[in-house]
Amino acid sequence: MTATSCPPAPKTPSIDRPRLIAAPFTPLLPDGSVHFESLGEYAARLSASGVAGVFIGGTSGEGMSLTREERMQLAETWLAAAGQSLSVIVHVGHTSLAEARLLADHARSIGAHGIASIGSVFFEPSSPAAWVDCCQAIAEAAPATPFYYYHMPSMSRIRTKAGSLLPEMARAIPSFAGIKFTHEDLDDYSECLRLAGGRYEIFFGRDELLLTGLSLGAKSAVGSTYNFAAPLYHKTARLHSLGRAAEAEEWQALCTSAIEIMIRCGGLSAIRTTMRFCGFDCGPMRLPLRAINENAATVLHKELIDLGFFDRLEQARAELSQP
């Protein structure tokens, strides 16, 4: 597939609405094949919820469990589904540098709005410079496409602080556009913001700490719960922008408590199941992951109801739709 229209311009965050990027789950059919036909509805739901874009094929999307061909078709289908409503960043990270370059070149050819690569997930790089060289090689395969480093130490072998890597990547990679920062080191995140100086986008990657990220200066964020709960986060951000700190903290606490329930009930599998509770079933998962069983799903659903999660989500969604 080739791009048939100009990509949508990135949505500039308003004073009360940060740029939220969903990290979509990859919908699967009962036989385990990718349900590409469902992505049109998926994109429409995200756009209606105030999400500005998608970060596809990453951790939530089980990108490392897909074949190269599936990842390419996933990117093509998301670009078509997104239209002018959503920007699309394609995760191209791979254990093989050559494969990552092929995925990057493909993303370039179809008009992706950005590419990203997580840190090495098997071999630990010999040095920080070796990892920068890897990112440079990937970015060179799509020289005009914005490149983002996906910093997630819990899933990668990169131990170097993102703030130490940022200046080196900016020097080595002409298309360097920023960092997807998924870590709890808030001092490092703040340092990235300082070094970026508004030139690069530093996505905040911990949904359960978004309000803290906004307080530090975050303007954009990528997360898995934005797939179904974006209105809650927009409500939190609006209250924060209005200086209504106690109310903002209350809404963030709701999101954080919900995430704690999901983690206890199965982690990523439970987050994906919550998407089903919110009206969009993404189907099973790829081994080595499995969807939570129905007993666990029942417990998850009840605890979220008792928390008031769905009622508050409907309230926030109704407010979001108002002019």
Protein backbone atom coordinates (compact mmCIF):
# COMPACT_ATOMS: atom_id res chain seq x y z
CA MET A 1 0.00 0.00 0.00
CA THR A 2 1.19 3.52 -0.68
CA ALA A 3 0.03 6.67 1.01
CA THR A 4 -2.79 8.22 -1.00
CA SER A 5 -3.22 11.43 0.94
CA CYS A 6 -1.24 13.85 3.04
CA PRO A 7 -0.82 12.69 6.65
CA PRO A 8 -2.76 14.52 9.32
CA ALA A 9 -0.84 17.24 11.07
CA PRO A 10 -0.06 16.34 14.69
CA LYS A 11 -2.74 17.68 16.97
CA THR A 12 -1.29 20.46 19.09
CA PRO A 13 -2.22 20.05 22.75
CA SER A 14 -4.55 22.74 24.07
CA ILE A 15 -3.94 24.37 27.41
CA ASP A 16 -6.22 21.81 29.08
CA ARG A 17 -5.75 18.76 26.84
CA PRO A 18 -2.40 17.03 26.43
CA ARG A 19 -1.67 15.06 23.28
CA LEU A 20 -2.68 11.52 24.23
CA ILE A 21 -1.44 8.68 22.02
CA ALA A 22 -3.04 5.27 22.51
CA ALA A 23 -0.89 2.14 22.40
CA PRO A 24 -3.44 -0.13 20.69
CA PHE A 25 -3.85 -3.81 21.34
CA THR A 26 -3.57 -5.92 18.21
CA PRO A 27 -7.03 -7.50 17.70
CA LEU A 28 -6.91 -11.23 17.08
CA LEU A 29 -9.51 -13.68 15.79
CA PRO A 30 -10.25 -16.91 17.69
CA ASP A 31 -7.77 -18.79 15.49
CA GLY A 32 -5.01 -16.37 16.51
CA SER A 33 -4.79 -14.49 13.21
CA VAL A 34 -4.79 -10.69 13.19
CA HIS A 35 -8.27 -9.17 12.82
CA PHE A 36 -7.27 -6.42 10.41
CA GLU A 37 -10.89 -5.72 9.43
CA SER A 38 -11.69 -4.44 12.93
CA LEU A 39 -9.19 -1.57 12.83
CA GLY A 40 -11.57 0.86 11.13
CA GLU A 41 -13.97 0.66 14.07
CA TYR A 42 -11.03 0.77 16.49
CA ALA A 43 -9.67 3.97 14.95
CA ALA A 44 -13.09 5.62 14.98
CA ARG A 45 -13.54 4.83 18.67
CA LEU A 46 -10.16 6.28 19.54
CA SER A 47 -10.71 9.44 17.54
CA ALA A 48 -14.11 9.97 19.20
CA SER A 49 -12.49 9.65 22.64
CA GLY A 50 -10.13 12.56 22.01
CA VAL A 51 -7.03 10.48 21.31
CA ALA A 52 -4.63 12.22 18.92
CA GLY A 53 -2.78 9.22 17.54
CA VAL A 54 -1.67 5.63 17.90
CA PHE A 55 1.65 3.97 18.73
CA ILE A 56 1.25 0.58 17.06
CA GLY A 57 3.09 -2.71 17.40
CA GLY A 58 4.66 -1.91 20.76
CA THR A 59 4.29 -3.71 24.08
CA SER A 60 0.49 -3.44 24.30
CA GLY A 61 0.23 -4.43 20.65
CA GLU A 62 2.41 -7.54 21.14
CA GLY A 63 4.52 -6.40 18.20
CA MET A 64 7.39 -8.71 19.06
CA SER A 65 5.01 -11.70 18.78
CA LEU A 66 3.93 -10.81 15.23
CA THR A 67 5.65 -11.81 12.02
CA ARG A 68 7.29 -9.19 9.81
CA GLU A 69 4.48 -9.60 7.28
CA GLU A 70 1.81 -9.13 9.97
CA ARG A 71 3.56 -6.03 11.30
CA MET A 72 3.72 -4.53 7.83
CA GLN A 73 0.05 -5.25 7.12
CA LEU A 74 -0.85 -3.90 10.57
CA ALA A 75 0.91 -0.63 9.75
CA GLU A 76 -0.77 -0.39 6.36
CA THR A 77 -4.21 -1.06 7.80
CA TRP A 78 -3.78 1.42 10.66
CA LEU A 79 -2.66 4.15 8.23
CA ALA A 80 -5.76 3.55 6.13
CA ALA A 81 -8.05 3.43 9.17
CA ALA A 82 -6.54 6.53 10.79
CA GLY A 83 -7.19 8.75 7.78
CA GLN A 84 -6.94 12.40 8.72
CA SER A 85 -8.03 11.80 12.32
CA LEU A 86 -5.05 10.10 13.96
CA SER A 87 -1.30 10.23 13.58
CA VAL A 88 0.39 6.82 13.40
CA ILE A 89 3.75 5.99 14.95
CA VAL A 90 4.97 2.52 13.98
CA HIS A 91 7.13 0.55 16.38
CA VAL A 92 9.83 -1.12 14.26
CA GLY A 93 12.07 -2.52 17.01
CA HIS A 94 13.33 -6.05 16.43
CA THR A 95 16.03 -8.39 17.72
CA SER A 96 17.50 -8.26 14.19
CA LEU A 97 18.79 -4.86 13.11
CA ALA A 98 18.27 -5.82 9.47
CA GLU A 99 14.61 -6.66 10.14
CA ALA A 100 14.13 -3.40 12.03
CA ARG A 101 15.51 -1.51 9.03
CA LEU A 102 13.10 -3.33 6.70
CA LEU A 103 10.19 -2.41 8.96
CA ALA A 104 11.38 1.18 9.12
CA ASP A 105 11.70 1.44 5.35
CA HIS A 106 8.23 -0.03 4.94
CA ALA A 107 6.76 2.46 7.43
CA ARG A 108 8.41 5.24 5.42
CA SER A 109 7.00 3.93 2.16
CA ILE A 110 3.40 3.98 3.40
CA GLY A 111 3.59 7.44 4.93
CA ALA A 112 3.79 6.68 8.65
CA HIS A 113 4.02 9.82 10.76
CA GLY A 114 6.80 8.40 12.89
CA ILE A 115 8.79 5.26 13.73
CA ALA A 116 10.13 4.07 17.05
CA SER A 117 12.36 1.36 18.44
CA ILE A 118 12.50 -0.04 21.93
CA GLY A 119 15.90 -0.69 23.45
CA SER A 120 17.64 -4.00 22.77
CA VAL A 121 15.52 -6.80 24.26
CA PHE A 122 18.03 -9.68 24.13
CA PHE A 123 21.69 -8.73 23.91
CA GLU A 124 22.73 -5.87 26.13
CA PRO A 125 24.58 -3.31 24.00
CA SER A 126 28.34 -3.21 24.54
CA SER A 127 28.08 0.47 25.39
CA PRO A 128 25.58 3.36 25.21
CA ALA A 129 27.32 4.41 21.98
CA ALA A 130 26.58 0.98 20.48
CA TRP A 131 22.88 1.45 21.17
CA VAL A 132 22.93 4.92 19.63
CA ASP A 133 24.57 3.35 16.56
CA CYS A 134 21.71 0.84 16.38
CA CYS A 135 19.11 3.59 16.49
CA GLN A 136 21.03 5.55 13.88
CA ALA A 137 21.04 2.53 11.55
CA ILE A 138 17.28 2.05 11.97
CA ALA A 139 16.52 5.73 11.43
CA GLU A 140 18.71 5.83 8.30
CA ALA A 141 16.31 3.37 6.64
CA ALA A 142 13.60 6.06 6.86
CA PRO A 143 15.64 9.29 6.84
CA ALA A 144 12.70 11.68 6.46
CA THR A 145 10.43 9.96 9.00
CA PRO A 146 10.55 11.20 12.62
CA PHE A 147 12.36 8.68 14.83
CA TYR A 148 11.56 8.10 18.51
CA TYR A 149 13.60 6.12 21.00
CA TYR A 150 11.32 3.90 23.11
CA HIS A 151 12.81 3.93 26.61
CA MET A 152 11.36 1.09 28.68
CA PRO A 153 13.98 -0.51 30.94
CA SER A 154 11.48 -3.03 32.34
CA MET A 155 11.31 -4.66 28.89
CA SER A 156 14.73 -3.86 27.42
CA ARG A 157 18.41 -4.27 28.25
CA ILE A 158 19.11 -0.53 28.22
CA ARG A 159 20.18 0.68 31.64
CA THR A 160 21.56 4.06 30.57
CA LYS A 161 19.37 6.97 31.57
CA ALA A 162 17.36 8.44 28.71
CA GLY A 163 18.69 11.89 29.59
CA SER A 164 22.21 10.66 28.87
CA LEU A 165 21.20 9.13 25.54
CA LEU A 166 19.13 12.05 24.26
CA PRO A 167 22.01 14.43 23.32
CA GLU A 168 23.90 11.62 21.60
CA MET A 169 20.86 10.55 19.60
CA ALA A 170 20.08 14.12 18.64
CA ARG A 171 23.61 14.50 17.28
CA ALA A 172 23.71 11.15 15.48
CA ILE A 173 20.18 10.99 14.03
CA PRO A 174 18.98 13.89 11.85
CA SER A 175 15.38 12.61 12.06
CA PHE A 176 15.44 12.23 15.85
CA ALA A 177 12.06 13.46 17.15
CA GLY A 178 12.01 12.46 20.80
CA ILE A 179 11.54 9.71 23.35
CA LYS A 180 8.70 7.51 24.50
CA PHE A 181 9.59 7.47 28.19
CA THR A 182 8.07 4.47 30.00
CA HIS A 183 9.84 4.39 33.33
CA GLU A 184 9.36 5.56 36.91
CA ASP A 185 12.55 7.65 37.07
CA LEU A 186 10.87 11.05 37.16
CA ASP A 187 14.18 12.86 37.63
CA ASP A 188 15.37 11.35 34.36
CA TYR A 189 12.10 12.33 32.68
CA SER A 190 12.52 15.91 33.89
CA GLU A 191 16.06 15.94 32.56
CA CYS A 192 14.80 14.78 29.17
CA LEU A 193 12.30 17.63 29.10
CA ARG A 194 15.03 20.10 30.01
CA LEU A 195 17.39 18.81 27.34
CA ALA A 196 14.62 18.66 24.73
CA GLY A 197 13.88 22.34 25.26
CA GLY A 198 10.71 22.03 23.21
CA ARG A 199 12.64 20.75 20.18
CA TYR A 200 11.80 17.10 20.80
CA GLU A 201 8.67 15.36 22.03
CA ILE A 202 9.10 13.47 25.30
CA PHE A 203 6.07 11.21 25.63
CA PHE A 204 5.16 10.37 29.21
CA GLY A 205 4.57 6.61 29.35
CA ARG A 206 3.08 5.80 32.75
CA ASP A 207 -0.70 6.28 32.70
CA GLU A 208 -0.97 5.80 36.46
CA LEU A 209 1.33 8.82 36.98
CA LEU A 210 0.04 11.11 34.24
CA LEU A 211 -0.91 13.94 36.60
CA THR A 212 2.64 13.92 37.98
CA GLY A 213 3.94 14.00 34.43
CA LEU A 214 1.78 17.01 33.63
CA SER A 215 3.06 18.75 36.74
CA LEU A 216 6.61 18.17 35.51
CA GLY A 217 5.77 19.69 32.13
CA ALA A 218 4.62 16.78 29.96
CA LYS A 219 2.64 17.87 26.91
CA SER A 220 2.05 14.42 25.42
CA ALA A 221 1.75 10.83 26.58
CA VAL A 222 1.50 7.29 25.24
CA GLY A 223 -0.38 4.60 27.12
CA SER A 224 -2.44 1.43 26.94
CA THR A 225 -5.37 2.61 29.08
CA TYR A 226 -5.90 5.54 26.70
CA ASN A 227 -7.47 2.90 24.46
CA PHE A 228 -10.65 3.07 26.56
CA ALA A 229 -10.17 5.66 29.31
CA ALA A 230 -8.87 8.75 27.48
CA PRO A 231 -11.83 10.91 28.63
CA LEU A 232 -10.84 10.31 32.27
CA TYR A 233 -7.33 11.57 31.61
CA HIS A 234 -8.59 14.57 29.66
CA LYS A 235 -10.82 15.40 32.62
CA THR A 236 -7.81 15.13 34.94
CA ALA A 237 -5.70 17.33 32.68
CA ARG A 238 -8.41 19.98 32.38
CA LEU A 239 -8.81 20.24 36.14
CA HIS A 240 -5.04 20.47 36.48
CA SER A 241 -4.87 23.28 33.93
CA LEU A 242 -7.58 25.18 35.84
CA GLY A 243 -5.61 24.94 39.08
CA ARG A 244 -8.21 22.65 40.69
CA ALA A 245 -5.53 20.41 42.15
CA ALA A 246 -7.63 18.42 44.62
CA GLU A 247 -10.18 17.49 41.96
CA ALA A 248 -7.46 16.59 39.46
CA GLU A 249 -5.84 14.35 42.05
CA GLU A 250 -9.21 12.68 42.71
CA TRP A 251 -9.68 11.79 39.03
CA GLN A 252 -6.09 10.63 38.67
CA ALA A 253 -6.50 8.50 41.79
CA LEU A 254 -9.48 6.82 40.13
CA CYS A 255 -7.35 5.93 37.10
CA THR A 256 -4.47 4.79 39.26
CA SER A 257 -6.70 2.58 41.40
CA ALA A 258 -8.24 1.05 38.28
CA ILE A 259 -4.80 0.27 36.89
CA GLU A 260 -3.77 -1.30 40.19
CA ILE A 261 -6.81 -3.57 39.94
CA MET A 262 -5.95 -4.49 36.35
CA ILE A 263 -2.34 -5.27 37.25
CA ARG A 264 -3.44 -7.46 40.17
CA CYS A 265 -5.97 -9.29 37.94
CA GLY A 266 -3.54 -10.11 35.16
CA GLY A 267 -1.55 -7.10 33.97
CA LEU A 268 -1.61 -6.49 30.24
CA SER A 269 -4.12 -9.32 29.77
CA ALA A 270 -6.51 -7.64 32.20
CA ILE A 271 -6.03 -4.22 30.61
CA ARG A 272 -6.92 -5.78 27.26
CA THR A 273 -9.99 -7.42 28.84
CA THR A 274 -11.10 -4.03 30.19
CA MET A 275 -11.19 -2.86 26.58
CA ARG A 276 -13.84 -5.56 26.03
CA PHE A 277 -15.84 -4.27 28.99
CA CYS A 278 -15.75 -0.86 27.32
CA GLY A 279 -17.31 -2.19 24.13
CA PHE A 280 -14.49 -3.41 21.88
CA ASP A 281 -13.31 -7.02 22.04
CA CYS A 282 -9.71 -7.53 20.89
CA GLY A 283 -9.94 -11.31 21.16
CA PRO A 284 -7.23 -13.68 22.43
CA MET A 285 -3.50 -13.02 22.85
CA ARG A 286 -0.37 -14.53 21.32
CA LEU A 287 1.68 -17.01 23.32
CA PRO A 288 3.56 -16.70 25.59
CA LEU A 289 0.72 -14.43 26.80
CA ARG A 290 -2.81 -15.65 27.43
CA ALA A 291 -6.04 -13.78 28.03
CA ILE A 292 -7.30 -13.98 31.60
CA ASN A 293 -9.97 -16.62 32.19
CA GLU A 294 -13.62 -15.74 32.67
CA ASN A 295 -13.49 -16.16 36.43
CA ALA A 296 -10.68 -13.61 36.64
CA ALA A 297 -12.56 -11.39 34.18
CA THR A 298 -15.64 -11.49 36.41
CA VAL A 299 -13.58 -10.42 39.43
CA LEU A 300 -11.93 -7.66 37.39
CA HIS A 301 -15.28 -6.39 36.14
CA LYS A 302 -16.85 -6.35 39.61
CA GLU A 303 -13.91 -4.53 41.19
CA LEU A 304 -13.97 -1.87 38.47
CA ILE A 305 -17.73 -1.44 38.93
CA ASP A 306 -17.31 -1.15 42.70
CA LEU A 307 -14.63 1.47 42.14
CA GLY A 308 -17.07 3.50 40.04
CA PHE A 309 -14.72 3.32 37.06
CA PHE A 310 -17.35 2.84 34.34
CA ASP A 311 -19.76 5.41 35.75
CA ARG A 312 -17.03 8.04 35.99
CA LEU A 313 -15.82 7.15 32.50
CA GLU A 314 -19.32 7.78 31.11
CA GLN A 315 -19.44 11.09 32.96
CA ALA A 316 -16.10 12.17 31.53
CA ARG A 317 -17.08 11.01 28.04
CA ALA A 318 -20.28 13.05 28.16
CA GLU A 319 -18.34 16.15 29.22
CA LEU A 320 -15.81 15.60 26.45
CA SER A 321 -18.58 15.63 23.83
CA GLN A 322 -19.91 18.98 25.00
CA PRO A 323 -18.84 22.06 23.00
